[in-house]
C-alpha atoms as a PDB file:
ATOM      1  CA  MET A   1     103.375 123.953 101.372  1.00  0.00           C
ATOM      2  CA  SER A   2     101.142 124.782 104.294  1.00  0.00           C
ATOM      3  CA  ILE A   3     100.897 123.143 107.698  1.00  0.00           C
ATOM      4  CA  PHE A   4      97.870 123.861 109.880  1.00  0.00           C
ATOM      5  CA  PRO A   5      96.966 124.258 112.619  1.00  0.00           C
ATOM      6  CA  ASN A   6     100.364 125.246 113.904  1.00  0.00           C
ATOM      7  CA  PRO A   7     100.915 124.807 116.819  1.00  0.00           C
ATOM      8  CA  VAL A   8      98.962 121.552 116.944  1.00  0.00           C
ATOM      9  CA  LEU A   9      97.466 119.422 119.711  1.00  0.00           C
ATOM     10  CA  GLY A  10      96.325 116.471 117.592  1.00  0.00           C
ATOM     11  CA  MET A  11      95.556 116.324 113.882  1.00  0.00           C
ATOM     12  CA  VAL A  12      97.614 118.423 111.471  1.00  0.00           C
ATOM     13  CA  THR A  13      96.934 119.006 107.779  1.00  0.00           C
ATOM     14  CA  ILE A  14      99.818 119.278 105.315  1.00  0.00           C
ATOM     15  CA  THR A  15      99.033 120.574 101.834  1.00  0.00           C
ATOM     16  CA  ALA A  16     101.359 121.020  98.873  1.00  0.00           C
ATOM     17  CA  ASN A  17     101.137 122.578  95.414  1.00  0.00           C
ATOM     18  CA  ALA A  18     101.738 119.170  93.767  1.00  0.00           C
ATOM     19  CA  GLU A  19     101.048 115.523  94.558  1.00  0.00           C
ATOM     20  CA  ILE A  20     102.870 114.397  97.698  1.00  0.00           C
ATOM     21  CA  GLU A  21     104.963 111.328  96.934  1.00  0.00           C
ATOM     22  CA  GLN A  22     106.205 111.006 100.530  1.00  0.00           C
ATOM     23  CA  PHE A  23     106.229 113.037 103.706  1.00  0.00           C
ATOM     24  CA  GLN A  24     108.608 112.644 106.610  1.00  0.00           C
ATOM     25  CA  ILE A  25     108.551 114.059 110.115  1.00  0.00           C
ATOM     26  CA  PHE A  26     111.800 114.495 112.063  1.00  0.00           C
ATOM     27  CA  ASP A  27     112.393 115.510 115.684  1.00  0.00           C
ATOM     28  CA  VAL A  28     114.814 118.300 116.624  1.00  0.00           C
ATOM     29  CA  VAL A  29     117.817 115.960 116.718  1.00  0.00           C
ATOM     30  CA  GLY A  30     117.100 114.676 113.213  1.00  0.00           C
ATOM     31  CA  ARG A  31     115.538 111.311 114.039  1.00  0.00           C
ATOM     32  CA  LEU A  32     112.830 110.159 111.648  1.00  0.00           C
ATOM     33  CA  VAL A  33     109.556 110.031 113.598  1.00  0.00           C
ATOM     34  CA  SER A  34     107.191 109.078 110.764  1.00  0.00           C
ATOM     35  CA  SER A  35     107.211 108.534 107.030  1.00  0.00           C
ATOM     36  CA  GLN A  36     104.251 107.913 104.744  1.00  0.00           C
ATOM     37  CA  SER A  37     103.564 107.800 101.021  1.00  0.00           C
ATOM     38  CA  PRO A  38     100.043 109.183 100.597  1.00  0.00           C
ATOM     39  CA  LYS A  39     100.069 109.940  96.821  1.00  0.00           C
ATOM     40  CA  LYS A  40      97.721 112.889  97.428  1.00  0.00           C
ATOM     41  CA  TRP A  41      97.925 116.696  97.455  1.00  0.00           C
ATOM     42  CA  ASP A  42      97.094 116.917 101.140  1.00  0.00           C
ATOM     43  CA  VAL A  43      97.665 114.772 104.207  1.00  0.00           C
ATOM     44  CA  VAL A  44      95.970 114.658 107.603  1.00  0.00           C
ATOM     45  CA  PHE A  45      98.323 113.264 110.243  1.00  0.00           C
ATOM     46  CA  ASP A  46      97.805 112.641 113.969  1.00  0.00           C
ATOM     47  CA  MET A  47     100.623 114.264 115.935  1.00  0.00           C
ATOM     48  CA  GLY A  48      98.792 113.877 119.248  1.00  0.00           C
ATOM     49  CA  ASN A  49     100.929 110.897 120.273  1.00  0.00           C
ATOM     50  CA  LEU A  50     104.217 112.822 119.878  1.00  0.00           C
ATOM     51  CA  PRO A  51     105.928 114.610 122.777  1.00  0.00           C
ATOM     52  CA  GLN A  52     105.726 118.407 122.915  1.00  0.00           C
ATOM     53  CA  GLY A  53     108.316 120.127 120.793  1.00  0.00           C
ATOM     54  CA  VAL A  54     109.318 121.336 117.352  1.00  0.00           C
ATOM     55  CA  TYR A  55     109.320 118.945 114.390  1.00  0.00           C
ATOM     56  CA  LEU A  56     110.596 119.291 110.838  1.00  0.00           C
ATOM     57  CA  VAL A  57     108.287 118.223 108.022  1.00  0.00           C
ATOM     58  CA  ARG A  58     109.853 117.279 104.681  1.00  0.00           C
ATOM     59  CA  VAL A  59     107.585 116.715 101.701  1.00  0.00           C
ATOM     60  CA  LEU A  60     108.874 114.952  98.602  1.00  0.00           C
ATOM     61  CA  LEU A  61     106.692 115.802  95.618  1.00  0.00           C
ATOM     62  CA  LYS A  62     105.872 113.594  92.647  1.00  0.00           C
ATOM     63  CA  ASP A  63     107.409 116.198  90.307  1.00  0.00           C
ATOM     64  CA  GLY A  64     110.765 115.840  92.137  1.00  0.00           C
ATOM     65  CA  GLY A  65     110.453 118.932  94.312  1.00  0.00           C
ATOM     66  CA  VAL A  66     111.170 119.018  98.030  1.00  0.00           C
ATOM     67  CA  GLN A  67     109.450 121.315 100.521  1.00  0.00           C
ATOM     68  CA  THR A  68     110.164 121.700 104.222  1.00  0.00           C
ATOM     69  CA  GLY A  69     108.463 123.311 107.154  1.00  0.00           C
ATOM     70  CA  LYS A  70     108.202 123.272 110.933  1.00  0.00           C
ATOM     71  CA  VAL A  71     105.341 122.275 113.174  1.00  0.00           C
ATOM     72  CA  VAL A  72     105.065 122.759 116.925  1.00  0.00           C
ATOM     73  CA  VAL A  73     103.326 120.097 119.045  1.00  0.00           C
ATOM     74  CA  LYS A  74     101.805 121.540 122.217  1.00  0.00           C
END
């Protein structure tokens, strides 16, 4: 999985090596900030409305895999 740009000011692109069944974004205390089911290999998501900080991205793939990463909002 790749997340770019990172750090981000607005739009972030998340790409995976398989179809994304669902992606979730959590804040540093583990609260779910956003969840979407795009059914695509890549997602463009607006993080510009989120407060500055570090967020965890969890991607659930159609093939059953799970990938995680971090993104920093400036």
